[in-house]
Amino acid sequence: MTTAIQFGIDRLLADPALRRPLAGRRVALLAHPASVTADLTHSLDALAALPDLKLSAAFGPQHGLRGDKQDNMVESPDFLDPQHGIPVFSLYGKVRRPTAAMLDTFDVLLVDLQDLGCRIYTFITTLRYMLEAAAQHGKTVWVLDRPNPAGRPVEGLTLRDGWESFVGAGPLPMRHGLTMGELGQWFISTLQLDVDYQVIEMQGWQPEAAPGYGWPLGERSWINPSPNAPNLSMARAYAGTVMLEGTTLSEGRGTTRPLELFGAPDIDARAVLAEMRRLAPHWLAGCRLRECWFEPTFHKHAGQLCHAIQIHVEDRSYGHAAFRPWRLQSLAFKAIRRLYPDYPLWRDFAYEYEHDRLAIDLINGSPLLREWVDDPAARPEAFDALSLADEMAWTEQRAAFLRYR
């Protein structure tokens, strides 16, 4: 049975003409657990089975090539793949940028990473680092494109100059609306890289089509690209709920619905929801919000009953263009600050190799959101205007890089 959509990996496997430029060259693969073909074969295994392709190395980003690391900020080691006998290098271990020795193992790098469409997702930073290294060492990079499951909507403040980090690959808004192939082209243009770059585009991707609006629901299985990305609902909410990593609130790690809900043992979620609706009800459009309770089995507030709010984006009430997860989560912080002025909201700990800057600021690419939340006089309207200016500028800038219209 054929499907209406073909991802980049499937087109490369099906068409020998697409692979012809790879003949006689050493090929490496950058992949993770969601790097699978239409029949759910891992891309490494599918490529290794091709007689006309010489696979010489593989790379794994955060959480590893096979997805062995459950929690955030847990490093993966290098190893020799027991099945294929090739080295597998970790880009989330001793190094996050590839070394010269790693680059010596290949001529062409195939990048097959499922993204979530959010600036903070570290796979896009790994793509940037690989492109920079390829430009420096004369290597070729091909992105085997995949859908952005959050679709085309744009939301959030642009990362400010000087706030680049492993969770801030460049001056992007939180929700950028590009595919990995498109992002690669944007990096090359923005960073003025001289690199041999190609995108094996998808066929049949319709980012505005219901019910998936970016993800081909009913056609392709969802494979977790990272351990706490279990479904499409999480991908839709993530541009907002990821900010919870910089707070003392639980983002639902240690439950079966991580990054779709938030809560703590010492907040009244019903009061928080009422305050959100009073402050900026139009920021809560396109979804349903439900008061609930959960007890995390690990991570923040493990073993404690948390009063919480869950974001529901999978029934008929979901409005793809109207749903604004980043504003919704920002509003939740504002409501908590107004109800509990002294609440220790911001988590002060080392975050993604950064020790001197607050995690919430790293995540947002500036202190602007935190300062708005903490300022009792700051209104939603001013914050909305600031964000809207960034979003409009990005929408205009990214137009040149859109491949699927």
Protein backbone atom coordinates (compact mmCIF):
# COMPACT_ATOMS: atom_id res chain seq x y z
CA MET A 1 0.00 0.00 0.00
CA THR A 2 1.38 3.43 -0.90
CA THR A 3 0.69 6.53 1.14
CA ALA A 4 -0.06 10.02 -0.14
CA ILE A 5 2.94 11.47 1.70
CA GLN A 6 6.58 10.49 1.27
CA PHE A 7 9.22 11.68 3.70
CA GLY A 8 12.75 12.43 2.47
CA ILE A 9 14.13 9.09 3.67
CA ASP A 10 11.45 7.16 1.76
CA ARG A 11 12.13 9.02 -1.46
CA LEU A 12 15.89 8.42 -1.14
CA LEU A 13 15.34 4.70 -0.56
CA ALA A 14 12.85 4.35 -3.42
CA ASP A 15 14.72 6.29 -6.11
CA PRO A 16 18.23 5.15 -7.15
CA ALA A 17 18.58 8.33 -9.24
CA LEU A 18 18.41 10.43 -6.06
CA ARG A 19 21.23 8.33 -4.56
CA ARG A 20 23.48 8.48 -7.61
CA PRO A 21 25.51 11.50 -6.35
CA LEU A 22 26.42 9.40 -3.28
CA ALA A 23 28.13 6.67 -5.32
CA GLY A 24 31.69 6.00 -4.16
CA ARG A 25 31.41 8.45 -1.26
CA ARG A 26 31.44 7.65 2.45
CA VAL A 27 28.03 8.41 3.92
CA ALA A 28 27.17 9.15 7.56
CA LEU A 29 23.72 9.45 9.14
CA LEU A 30 22.57 11.81 11.88
CA ALA A 31 19.43 10.26 13.33
CA HIS A 32 17.37 9.46 16.42
CA PRO A 33 14.55 7.01 17.37
CA ALA A 34 11.93 8.72 15.16
CA SER A 35 14.19 8.36 12.11
CA VAL A 36 12.14 5.55 10.59
CA THR A 37 10.82 4.71 7.15
CA ALA A 38 7.16 4.35 6.18
CA ASP A 39 7.29 0.68 7.25
CA LEU A 40 8.94 1.66 10.58
CA THR A 41 12.44 0.40 9.74
CA HIS A 42 15.06 2.59 11.40
CA SER A 43 16.79 4.75 8.79
CA LEU A 44 20.22 3.42 9.78
CA ASP A 45 19.14 -0.15 9.06
CA ALA A 46 17.35 0.80 5.83
CA LEU A 47 20.35 2.71 4.47
CA ALA A 48 22.79 -0.02 5.54
CA ALA A 49 20.78 -2.53 3.48
CA LEU A 50 21.33 -0.58 0.23
CA PRO A 51 24.07 -2.23 -1.86
CA ASP A 52 24.92 1.05 -3.63
CA LEU A 53 25.51 3.05 -0.44
CA LYS A 54 28.65 3.01 1.70
CA LEU A 55 27.62 3.79 5.27
CA SER A 56 30.73 4.73 7.26
CA ALA A 57 29.48 6.36 10.49
CA ALA A 58 26.43 7.53 12.40
CA PHE A 59 25.70 10.36 14.82
CA GLY A 60 23.19 10.64 17.64
CA PRO A 61 21.85 13.93 19.06
CA GLN A 62 20.40 14.47 22.56
CA HIS A 63 18.80 11.27 23.92
CA GLY A 64 20.94 9.14 21.58
CA LEU A 65 20.67 7.48 18.19
CA ARG A 66 18.30 4.85 19.55
CA GLY A 67 16.73 7.02 22.27
CA ASP A 68 18.26 5.38 25.30
CA LYS A 69 18.26 8.41 27.62
CA GLN A 70 14.91 9.13 29.29
CA ASP A 71 15.55 12.41 31.07
CA ASN A 72 16.83 15.78 29.93
CA MET A 73 20.53 16.60 30.14
CA VAL A 74 21.72 12.98 30.33
CA GLU A 75 24.69 12.42 28.05
CA SER A 76 25.19 9.53 25.63
CA PRO A 77 28.55 7.83 24.93
CA ASP A 78 30.19 6.97 21.60
CA PHE A 79 29.96 3.28 20.64
CA LEU A 80 30.47 0.81 17.81
CA ASP A 81 27.21 -0.29 16.25
CA PRO A 82 27.11 -4.05 16.84
CA GLN A 83 24.99 -4.79 13.76
CA HIS A 84 26.65 -2.58 11.16
CA GLY A 85 30.18 -2.33 12.57
CA ILE A 86 30.38 1.45 12.17
CA PRO A 87 31.21 4.07 14.81
CA VAL A 88 28.27 5.93 16.35
CA PHE A 89 29.33 9.33 17.66
CA SER A 90 27.42 11.19 20.35
CA LEU A 91 26.75 14.89 19.82
CA TYR A 92 25.36 15.11 23.33
CA GLY A 93 28.21 13.78 25.43
CA LYS A 94 31.83 14.87 25.64
CA VAL A 95 31.12 17.24 22.72
CA ARG A 96 28.12 18.90 21.14
CA ARG A 97 29.99 20.03 18.04
CA PRO A 98 31.55 17.31 15.85
CA THR A 99 35.33 17.00 16.13
CA ALA A 100 37.72 16.88 13.18
CA ALA A 101 38.24 13.15 13.82
CA MET A 102 34.48 12.56 13.58
CA LEU A 103 34.29 14.55 10.36
CA ASP A 104 37.12 12.49 8.88
CA THR A 105 34.83 9.43 8.85
CA PHE A 106 32.50 10.64 6.07
CA ASP A 107 32.15 12.69 2.89
CA VAL A 108 28.38 13.23 2.94
CA LEU A 109 26.17 13.57 6.01
CA LEU A 110 22.51 12.60 5.76
CA VAL A 111 20.40 14.35 8.41
CA ASP A 112 17.15 12.52 9.19
CA LEU A 113 15.74 14.11 12.35
CA GLN A 114 12.10 14.54 13.30
CA ASP A 115 11.73 18.05 14.72
CA LEU A 116 8.87 19.53 16.80
CA GLY A 117 8.92 23.01 15.27
CA CYS A 118 10.20 24.74 18.39
CA ARG A 119 13.39 26.81 18.76
CA ILE A 120 14.38 25.17 22.02
CA TYR A 121 14.43 21.63 20.59
CA THR A 122 18.13 20.84 20.57
CA PHE A 123 18.07 18.89 17.30
CA ILE A 124 17.99 22.14 15.35
CA THR A 125 21.06 23.41 17.24
CA THR A 126 22.82 20.16 16.35
CA LEU A 127 21.88 20.79 12.70
CA ARG A 128 23.42 24.27 12.92
CA TYR A 129 26.65 22.93 14.47
CA MET A 130 26.89 20.25 11.78
CA LEU A 131 26.41 22.78 8.98
CA GLU A 132 29.09 25.05 10.44
CA ALA A 133 31.52 22.12 10.74
CA ALA A 134 30.70 20.92 7.21
CA ALA A 135 31.42 24.38 5.83
CA GLN A 136 34.74 24.47 7.65
CA HIS A 137 35.84 20.99 6.55
CA GLY A 138 34.39 20.84 3.03
CA LYS A 139 31.73 18.22 3.77
CA THR A 140 28.38 17.77 2.04
CA VAL A 141 25.10 17.81 4.00
CA TRP A 142 21.77 16.44 2.82
CA VAL A 143 18.64 16.88 4.91
CA LEU A 144 16.08 14.13 4.39
CA ASP A 145 13.06 16.28 5.15
CA ARG A 146 10.24 15.46 7.54
CA PRO A 147 7.05 17.28 8.58
CA ASN A 148 6.93 20.01 11.16
CA PRO A 149 4.12 18.50 13.28
CA ALA A 150 3.24 21.90 14.77
CA GLY A 151 2.61 23.19 11.25
CA ARG A 152 3.19 26.68 9.89
CA PRO A 153 1.94 29.03 12.68
CA VAL A 154 4.52 31.41 14.14
CA GLU A 155 4.61 32.48 17.78
CA GLY A 156 6.91 33.98 20.36
CA LEU A 157 9.58 36.58 20.89
CA THR A 158 12.69 36.35 18.72
CA LEU A 159 15.86 35.26 20.48
CA ARG A 160 17.87 38.39 21.28
CA ASP A 161 21.47 38.94 20.25
CA GLY A 162 23.88 37.37 22.73
CA TRP A 163 21.35 34.83 24.01
CA GLU A 164 22.42 31.99 21.73
CA SER A 165 22.83 28.66 23.52
CA PHE A 166 22.32 24.95 22.95
CA VAL A 167 18.57 25.64 23.35
CA GLY A 168 18.80 28.82 21.28
CA ALA A 169 20.24 28.15 17.84
CA GLY A 170 19.69 31.64 16.46
CA PRO A 171 17.30 34.61 16.09
CA LEU A 172 14.16 32.50 15.70
CA PRO A 173 10.80 32.87 17.45
CA MET A 174 9.81 30.06 19.81
CA ARG A 175 7.52 28.49 17.19
CA HIS A 176 9.18 28.93 13.78
CA GLY A 177 6.95 26.98 11.40
CA LEU A 178 9.77 25.55 9.23
CA THR A 179 10.85 22.01 8.41
CA MET A 180 14.40 20.83 9.10
CA GLY A 181 15.27 21.17 5.42
CA GLU A 182 14.01 24.74 5.36
CA LEU A 183 15.76 25.55 8.64
CA GLY A 184 19.05 24.28 7.22
CA GLN A 185 18.75 26.71 4.32
CA TRP A 186 17.91 29.54 6.73
CA PHE A 187 21.00 28.74 8.86
CA ILE A 188 23.22 28.76 5.77
CA SER A 189 21.82 32.11 4.67
CA THR A 190 21.86 33.74 8.13
CA LEU A 191 25.32 32.48 9.08
CA GLN A 192 26.65 33.03 5.52
CA LEU A 193 28.01 29.49 5.30
CA ASP A 194 29.67 28.11 2.18
CA VAL A 195 28.49 24.51 2.30
CA ASP A 196 27.38 21.93 -0.27
CA TYR A 197 23.76 21.49 0.87
CA GLN A 198 20.77 19.66 -0.50
CA VAL A 199 17.27 18.88 0.72
CA ILE A 200 15.50 15.68 -0.28
CA GLU A 201 12.04 17.16 -0.07
CA MET A 202 8.89 15.42 1.04
CA GLN A 203 6.16 14.70 -1.48
CA GLY A 204 2.55 15.37 -0.57
CA TRP A 205 3.08 17.27 2.68
CA GLN A 206 0.06 19.53 3.31
CA PRO A 207 0.74 21.58 6.45
CA GLU A 208 -2.67 23.29 6.39
CA ALA A 209 -4.71 20.10 5.95
CA ALA A 210 -7.00 18.89 8.75
CA PRO A 211 -6.92 17.02 11.01
CA GLY A 212 -3.12 16.89 11.34
CA TYR A 213 -2.17 20.45 10.29
CA GLY A 214 1.43 19.44 9.76
CA TRP A 215 1.45 15.81 10.86
CA PRO A 216 -0.03 13.20 8.46
CA LEU A 217 -2.51 11.74 10.97
CA GLY A 218 -3.77 8.34 9.94
CA GLU A 219 -0.93 7.88 7.44
CA ARG A 220 2.18 7.72 9.57
CA SER A 221 2.81 6.31 13.03
CA TRP A 222 4.01 8.73 15.70
CA ILE A 223 7.43 7.71 17.03
CA ASN A 224 8.74 9.68 20.01
CA PRO A 225 11.59 11.90 18.70
CA SER A 226 12.58 12.28 22.36
CA PRO A 227 11.31 10.25 25.32
CA ASN A 228 8.90 12.91 26.60
CA ALA A 229 7.40 13.67 23.17
CA PRO A 230 4.76 10.94 23.13
CA ASN A 231 2.12 12.31 20.75
CA LEU A 232 0.90 15.08 18.48
CA SER A 233 -0.85 16.88 21.34
CA MET A 234 2.48 17.36 23.07
CA ALA A 235 4.03 18.67 19.85
CA ARG A 236 1.27 21.25 19.52
CA ALA A 237 1.55 22.44 23.14
CA TYR A 238 5.35 22.24 23.38
CA ALA A 239 6.20 25.80 22.27
CA GLY A 240 4.51 26.89 25.50
CA THR A 241 4.93 24.01 27.92
CA VAL A 242 8.68 23.73 27.31
CA MET A 243 9.02 26.93 29.35
CA LEU A 244 7.97 24.91 32.41
CA GLU A 245 11.46 23.40 32.38
CA GLY A 246 12.70 26.76 33.67
CA THR A 247 10.17 26.85 36.52
CA THR A 248 9.44 24.99 39.75
CA LEU A 249 6.10 23.84 38.31
CA SER A 250 5.89 20.25 37.07
CA GLU A 251 5.52 19.88 33.30
CA GLY A 252 4.15 16.38 33.82
CA ARG A 253 7.45 14.50 33.56
CA GLY A 254 6.85 11.35 35.56
CA THR A 255 3.31 11.06 34.14
CA THR A 256 2.02 9.61 30.88
CA ARG A 257 1.16 13.06 29.44
CA PRO A 258 4.35 15.10 29.82
CA LEU A 259 4.42 18.65 28.44
CA GLU A 260 0.65 18.74 27.98
CA LEU A 261 -0.09 19.79 31.56
CA PHE A 262 1.37 21.79 34.42
CA GLY A 263 0.87 22.00 38.16
CA ALA A 264 2.33 21.94 41.64
CA PRO A 265 1.29 20.79 45.13
CA ASP A 266 1.01 24.38 46.41
CA ILE A 267 -1.13 26.14 43.78
CA ASP A 268 -4.90 26.28 43.31
CA ALA A 269 -5.22 25.40 39.62
CA ARG A 270 -8.88 26.42 39.53
CA ALA A 271 -7.98 29.89 40.77
CA VAL A 272 -5.08 30.10 38.28
CA LEU A 273 -7.40 29.19 35.40
CA ALA A 274 -9.97 31.76 36.50
CA GLU A 275 -7.27 34.45 36.68
CA MET A 276 -6.00 33.53 33.20
CA ARG A 277 -9.53 33.87 31.81
CA ARG A 278 -9.94 37.23 33.53
CA LEU A 279 -6.58 38.63 32.32
CA ALA A 280 -6.54 37.67 28.62
CA PRO A 281 -9.28 35.20 27.62
CA HIS A 282 -8.42 35.58 23.90
CA TRP A 283 -4.99 34.02 24.60
CA LEU A 284 -6.73 30.75 25.47
CA ALA A 285 -8.44 30.19 22.10
CA GLY A 286 -8.21 27.04 20.01
CA CYS A 287 -8.04 24.51 22.85
CA ARG A 288 -9.79 23.27 25.97
CA LEU A 289 -8.28 23.70 29.44
CA ARG A 290 -9.18 21.22 32.17
CA GLU A 291 -8.48 21.30 35.87
CA CYS A 292 -6.91 17.99 36.96
CA TRP A 293 -4.64 16.31 39.51
CA PHE A 294 -1.53 14.20 39.03
CA GLU A 295 1.27 12.65 41.07
CA PRO A 296 4.62 12.47 39.24
CA THR A 297 6.51 9.20 39.72
CA PHE A 298 9.83 10.98 39.09
CA HIS A 299 11.23 14.47 38.44
CA LYS A 300 9.78 17.64 40.05
CA HIS A 301 7.35 17.04 42.94
CA ALA A 302 7.79 13.26 42.64
CA GLY A 303 5.31 11.42 44.84
CA GLN A 304 3.34 14.60 45.63
CA LEU A 305 -0.20 15.32 44.51
CA CYS A 306 -0.17 18.30 42.13
CA HIS A 307 -3.18 20.48 41.33
CA ALA A 308 -2.91 21.09 37.61
CA ILE A 309 -4.25 22.26 34.26
CA GLN A 310 -4.18 20.08 31.14
CA ILE A 311 -4.18 21.57 27.63
CA HIS A 312 -6.43 19.59 25.25
CA VAL A 313 -5.81 20.03 21.51
CA GLU A 314 -7.14 16.82 19.99
CA ASP A 315 -10.91 17.21 19.73
CA ARG A 316 -13.17 19.32 17.52
CA SER A 317 -12.54 22.41 19.61
CA TYR A 318 -8.93 22.56 18.41
CA GLY A 319 -8.31 25.66 16.30
CA HIS A 320 -4.95 25.35 14.59
CA ALA A 321 -4.56 29.01 13.64
CA ALA A 322 -6.12 30.28 16.88
CA PHE A 323 -4.17 28.11 19.34
CA ARG A 324 -1.24 30.02 20.85
CA PRO A 325 0.56 27.79 23.35
CA TRP A 326 3.37 30.23 24.10
CA ARG A 327 0.94 32.99 25.11
CA LEU A 328 -1.18 30.52 27.05
CA GLN A 329 1.74 29.34 29.16
CA SER A 330 3.04 32.88 29.62
CA LEU A 331 -0.40 33.85 30.89
CA ALA A 332 -0.35 30.96 33.38
CA PHE A 333 2.90 32.29 34.83
CA LYS A 334 1.40 35.79 35.04
CA ALA A 335 -1.71 34.47 36.80
CA ILE A 336 0.39 32.56 39.35
CA ARG A 337 2.52 35.64 40.00
CA ARG A 338 -0.60 37.75 40.56
CA LEU A 339 -2.21 35.20 42.88
CA TYR A 340 1.00 34.32 44.73
CA PRO A 341 3.37 37.33 44.50
CA ASP A 342 6.17 35.58 46.41
CA TYR A 343 5.86 32.19 44.69
CA PRO A 344 9.36 30.79 43.86
CA LEU A 345 8.42 30.36 40.21
CA TRP A 346 11.80 30.55 38.46
CA ARG A 347 14.06 27.53 38.82
CA ASP A 348 17.70 28.43 39.54
CA PHE A 349 19.86 25.52 38.36
CA ALA A 350 22.40 24.64 35.67
CA TYR A 351 20.48 24.19 32.41
CA GLU A 352 21.86 22.71 29.17
CA TYR A 353 25.52 23.49 29.94
CA GLU A 354 24.75 27.02 31.15
CA HIS A 355 25.47 27.98 34.76
CA ASP A 356 25.25 31.77 34.91
CA ARG A 357 21.90 32.59 33.31
CA LEU A 358 18.42 31.64 34.49
CA ALA A 359 16.91 28.70 32.62
CA ILE A 360 13.69 30.60 31.89
CA ASP A 361 15.73 33.33 30.15
CA LEU A 362 17.78 30.83 28.14
CA ILE A 363 14.59 29.10 27.04
CA ASN A 364 13.05 32.40 25.93
CA GLY A 365 16.21 33.82 24.41
CA SER A 366 16.05 36.92 26.63
CA PRO A 367 14.77 38.04 30.06
CA LEU A 368 11.77 39.80 28.48
CA LEU A 369 9.13 37.21 29.36
CA ARG A 370 10.31 36.80 32.95
CA GLU A 371 10.41 40.56 33.44
CA TRP A 372 6.86 40.89 32.11
CA VAL A 373 5.61 38.15 34.44
CA ASP A 374 7.33 39.69 37.48
CA ASP A 375 6.23 43.28 36.81
CA PRO A 376 2.87 43.85 38.58
CA ALA A 377 2.12 46.84 36.33
CA ALA A 378 2.83 45.02 33.03
CA ARG A 379 -0.33 44.22 31.08
CA PRO A 380 -1.00 41.48 28.51
CA GLU A 381 -1.62 44.10 25.79
CA ALA A 382 1.95 45.46 25.89
CA PHE A 383 3.46 41.98 25.85
CA ASP A 384 1.20 40.98 22.97
CA ALA A 385 2.29 44.02 20.93
CA LEU A 386 5.99 43.26 21.51
CA SER A 387 5.51 39.64 20.48
CA LEU A 388 3.38 40.49 17.46
CA ALA A 389 6.09 42.73 16.03
CA ASP A 390 8.61 39.87 16.23
CA GLU A 391 6.15 37.38 14.75
CA MET A 392 5.32 39.59 11.78
CA ALA A 393 9.01 40.24 11.08
CA TRP A 394 9.78 36.50 11.18
CA THR A 395 6.82 35.59 8.96
CA GLU A 396 8.17 38.00 6.37
CA GLN A 397 11.78 36.78 6.73
CA ARG A 398 11.01 33.07 6.49
CA ALA A 399 8.89 33.40 3.32
CA ALA A 400 12.00 33.00 1.13
CA PHE A 401 12.76 29.61 2.72
CA LEU A 402 9.34 27.91 2.42
CA ARG A 403 9.47 24.89 0.13
CA TYR A 404 5.96 23.46 0.51
CA ARG A 405 3.20 25.77 -0.63
